[in-house]
Structures are given as structure tokens and as C-alpha cells.
C-alpha atoms as a PDB file:
ATOM      1  CA  UNK A   1     146.038  68.848  86.685  1.00  0.00           C
ATOM      2  CA  UNK A   2     144.787  71.537  84.725  1.00  0.00           C
ATOM      3  CA  UNK A   3     145.825  74.663  83.879  1.00  0.00           C
ATOM      4  CA  UNK A   4     143.784  77.347  81.800  1.00  0.00           C
ATOM      5  CA  UNK A   5     145.753  80.721  80.832  1.00  0.00           C
ATOM      6  CA  UNK A   6     143.802  83.461  79.776  1.00  0.00           C
ATOM      7  CA  UNK A   7     143.875  87.544  79.228  1.00  0.00           C
ATOM      8  CA  UNK A   8     145.836  88.045  76.661  1.00  0.00           C
ATOM      9  CA  UNK A   9     144.809  89.925  73.646  1.00  0.00           C
ATOM     10  CA  UNK A  10     145.386  92.831  70.670  1.00  0.00           C
ATOM     11  CA  UNK A  11     148.370  96.257  72.716  1.00  0.00           C
ATOM     12  CA  UNK A  12     150.073  98.577  71.328  1.00  0.00           C
ATOM     13  CA  UNK A  13     153.497  98.756  72.029  1.00  0.00           C
ATOM     14  CA  UNK A  14     154.213 100.296  75.451  1.00  0.00           C
ATOM     15  CA  UNK A  15     150.884  98.826  76.725  1.00  0.00           C
ATOM     16  CA  UNK A  16     150.004  96.359  79.528  1.00  0.00           C
ATOM     17  CA  UNK A  17     148.572  93.155  80.329  1.00  0.00           C
ATOM     18  CA  UNK A  18     147.864  91.127  82.828  1.00  0.00           C
ATOM     19  CA  UNK A  19     148.384  87.213  82.448  1.00  0.00           C
ATOM     20  CA  UNK A  20     146.677  84.589  84.511  1.00  0.00           C
ATOM     21  CA  UNK A  21     146.851  80.555  84.998  1.00  0.00           C
ATOM     22  CA  UNK A  22     144.229  78.581  86.585  1.00  0.00           C
ATOM     23  CA  UNK A  23     145.130  75.963  88.032  1.00  0.00           C
ATOM     24  CA  UNK A  24     143.528  72.763  89.437  1.00  0.00           C
ATOM     25  CA  UNK A  25     143.935  69.131  90.268  1.00  0.00           C
ATOM     26  CA  UNK A  26     146.980  69.488  92.395  1.00  0.00           C
ATOM     27  CA  UNK A  27     148.323  71.161  95.733  1.00  0.00           C
ATOM     28  CA  UNK A  28     149.212  74.362  93.966  1.00  0.00           C
ATOM     29  CA  UNK A  29     151.295  75.758  96.876  1.00  0.00           C
ATOM     30  CA  UNK A  30     153.391  73.099  97.079  1.00  0.00           C
ATOM     31  CA  UNK A  31     154.967  73.590  93.119  1.00  0.00           C
ATOM     32  CA  UNK A  32     156.921  75.781  91.016  1.00  0.00           C
ATOM     33  CA  UNK A  33     155.446  77.184  87.972  1.00  0.00           C
ATOM     34  CA  UNK A  34     156.640  78.533  85.050  1.00  0.00           C
ATOM     35  CA  UNK A  35     155.201  80.653  82.441  1.00  0.00           C
ATOM     36  CA  UNK A  36     156.861  80.664  78.959  1.00  0.00           C
ATOM     37  CA  UNK A  37     155.952  81.970  75.377  1.00  0.00           C
ATOM     38  CA  UNK A  38     157.037  80.166  71.990  1.00  0.00           C
ATOM     39  CA  UNK A  39     156.529  83.261  69.030  1.00  0.00           C
ATOM     40  CA  UNK A  40     155.679  82.214  64.867  1.00  0.00           C
ATOM     41  CA  UNK A  41     158.451  80.361  63.561  1.00  0.00           C
ATOM     42  CA  UNK A  42     160.731  80.433  67.180  1.00  0.00           C
ATOM     43  CA  UNK A  43     161.028  77.706  69.892  1.00  0.00           C
ATOM     44  CA  UNK A  44     159.287  78.049  73.120  1.00  0.00           C
ATOM     45  CA  UNK A  45     161.613  79.312  75.499  1.00  0.00           C
ATOM     46  CA  UNK A  46     161.410  80.145  79.392  1.00  0.00           C
ATOM     47  CA  UNK A  47     159.990  83.686  80.408  1.00  0.00           C
ATOM     48  CA  UNK A  48     160.295  83.082  83.608  1.00  0.00           C
ATOM     49  CA  UNK A  49     159.554  81.077  87.172  1.00  0.00           C
ATOM     50  CA  UNK A  50     157.969  81.435  90.648  1.00  0.00           C
ATOM     51  CA  UNK A  51     158.932  79.182  93.923  1.00  0.00           C
ATOM     52  CA  UNK A  52     156.123  77.601  95.739  1.00  0.00           C
ATOM     53  CA  UNK A  53     155.431  80.212  98.397  1.00  0.00           C
ATOM     54  CA  UNK A  54     156.345  82.910  96.111  1.00  0.00           C
ATOM     55  CA  UNK A  55     159.420  83.659  97.374  1.00  0.00           C
ATOM     56  CA  UNK A  56     161.651  83.883  94.895  1.00  0.00           C
ATOM     57  CA  UNK A  57     161.457  84.597  90.865  1.00  0.00           C
ATOM     58  CA  UNK A  58     163.993  84.332  87.350  1.00  0.00           C
ATOM     59  CA  UNK A  59     163.211  86.191  85.054  1.00  0.00           C
ATOM     60  CA  UNK A  60     165.209  85.684  80.854  1.00  0.00           C
ATOM     61  CA  UNK A  61     167.084  88.664  80.523  1.00  0.00           C
ATOM     62  CA  UNK A  62     164.848  90.175  77.692  1.00  0.00           C
ATOM     63  CA  UNK A  63     161.980  90.206  80.350  1.00  0.00           C
ATOM     64  CA  UNK A  64     163.683  91.483  83.049  1.00  0.00           C
ATOM     65  CA  UNK A  65     162.117  94.474  84.395  1.00  0.00           C
ATOM     66  CA  UNK A  66     159.350  94.404  82.517  1.00  0.00           C
ATOM     67  CA  UNK A  67     157.582  91.189  83.562  1.00  0.00           C
ATOM     68  CA  UNK A  68     156.369  90.505  86.689  1.00  0.00           C
ATOM     69  CA  UNK A  69     155.623  86.609  87.607  1.00  0.00           C
ATOM     70  CA  UNK A  70     153.346  86.703  90.640  1.00  0.00           C
ATOM     71  CA  UNK A  71     150.639  83.782  92.549  1.00  0.00           C
ATOM     72  CA  UNK A  72     147.254  83.814  94.618  1.00  0.00           C
ATOM     73  CA  UNK A  73     148.273  80.645  96.047  1.00  0.00           C
ATOM     74  CA  UNK A  74     144.390  80.706  97.688  1.00  0.00           C
ATOM     75  CA  UNK A  75     143.507  81.563  94.357  1.00  0.00           C
ATOM     76  CA  UNK A  76     145.538  78.721  92.833  1.00  0.00           C
ATOM     77  CA  UNK A  77     146.225  81.415  90.394  1.00  0.00           C
ATOM     78  CA  UNK A  78     149.627  82.424  88.722  1.00  0.00           C
ATOM     79  CA  UNK A  79     149.469  85.847  86.944  1.00  0.00           C
ATOM     80  CA  UNK A  80     152.245  87.394  84.707  1.00  0.00           C
ATOM     81  CA  UNK A  81     152.199  90.772  84.644  1.00  0.00           C
ATOM     82  CA  UNK A  82     153.780  92.916  81.396  1.00  0.00           C
ATOM     83  CA  UNK A  83     154.494  96.275  81.199  1.00  0.00           C
ATOM     84  CA  UNK A  84     156.033  98.319  78.271  1.00  0.00           C
ATOM     85  CA  UNK A  85     155.035  95.065  75.100  1.00  0.00           C
ATOM     86  CA  UNK A  86     157.255  95.399  72.880  1.00  0.00           C
ATOM     87  CA  UNK A  87     156.733  93.852  68.816  1.00  0.00           C
ATOM     88  CA  UNK A  88     159.215  90.834  70.373  1.00  0.00           C
ATOM     89  CA  UNK A  89     157.157  90.275  72.448  1.00  0.00           C
ATOM     90  CA  UNK A  90     154.367  88.862  70.754  1.00  0.00           C
ATOM     91  CA  UNK A  91     154.023  85.433  71.070  1.00  0.00           C
ATOM     92  CA  UNK A  92     151.676  82.568  72.727  1.00  0.00           C
ATOM     93  CA  UNK A  93     152.279  82.537  76.250  1.00  0.00           C
ATOM     94  CA  UNK A  94     151.821  79.438  78.592  1.00  0.00           C
ATOM     95  CA  UNK A  95     151.878  78.667  81.915  1.00  0.00           C
ATOM     96  CA  UNK A  96     153.420  75.161  83.285  1.00  0.00           C
ATOM     97  CA  UNK A  97     154.136  72.899  86.419  1.00  0.00           C
ATOM     98  CA  UNK A  98     155.877  69.342  86.628  1.00  0.00           C
ATOM     99  CA  UNK A  99     154.301  67.356  88.927  1.00  0.00           C
ATOM    100  CA  UNK A 100     155.316  63.878  90.012  1.00  0.00           C
ATOM    101  CA  UNK A 101     158.330  64.482  86.908  1.00  0.00           C
ATOM    102  CA  UNK A 102     155.034  65.047  83.886  1.00  0.00           C
ATOM    103  CA  UNK A 103     155.020  68.969  82.841  1.00  0.00           C
ATOM    104  CA  UNK A 104     151.867  69.998  82.186  1.00  0.00           C
ATOM    105  CA  UNK A 105     150.684  72.907  80.066  1.00  0.00           C
ATOM    106  CA  UNK A 106     148.091  74.980  79.324  1.00  0.00           C
ATOM    107  CA  UNK A 107     146.217  75.738  76.412  1.00  0.00           C
ATOM    108  CA  UNK A 108     148.016  79.439  75.646  1.00  0.00           C
ATOM    109  CA  UNK A 109     146.958  82.977  75.322  1.00  0.00           C
ATOM    110  CA  UNK A 110     147.521  84.661  72.656  1.00  0.00           C
ATOM    111  CA  UNK A 111     149.203  88.470  72.865  1.00  0.00           C
ATOM    112  CA  UNK A 112     149.800  90.420  69.965  1.00  0.00           C
ATOM    113  CA  UNK A 113     151.935  94.114  70.640  1.00  0.00           C
ATOM    114  CA  UNK A 114     151.029  95.747  67.065  1.00  0.00           C
ATOM    115  CA  UNK A 115     149.968  99.623  66.021  1.00  0.00           C
END
């Protein structure tokens, strides 16, 4: 299983980013996927998740309404659309999947919100 995030960067408050998680090594469409983030000095926290068929999503209260998780099962790719970015969204963002009782993580992509 391999996960590779991309799309992070430096953005001004109120801006938007679209993060991408390219996957391989497992049957992508069978598994729910999640996004986590870890801010400096804080524990890693769940941002949200999406069902294997893309039919259901859930979000942390802190991001609901601004973040949207989607997936393209034909491309084995997970996305995180982030709108109206705030300074508190500054963090490393990770995608993750649990396959056969083992949780796999990508290397993360840095999102920095600053004027």
C-alpha cells in the first residue's frame, strides 16, 4: 500500500487549496479513506472521511462547511477541497487507509495559511 499526498502550499487567509492523495497497492474502491492533519505542537486529528463508494462523508466540526472530501475510484485518488482557509488550518495533512487491520499513512503535505 502506498499513499502520496500533494497540493499543499502557502496560501493567504480566505484562499483555497485542493489536496490530492494518489494511492496504489490495494483495491481503492473497497475502502473508506480519511484525511487527518497535524498542526505544530498538537496531536494528529481527524479532518474527515469518505465511504468506499463515495456515497457518505463525515467531517470534524471545525472544518464542516469549508472542507469537502471526494474520491475518483477510476483514478485511485482521494481529494480534499479546502475553502476559506484560516490560520488555524496550518498543518501537515495526511491521507490514510486501514487495509486488513493495518493502517497506512502517506508522507503528508504541508498547508500554511499566512498573509
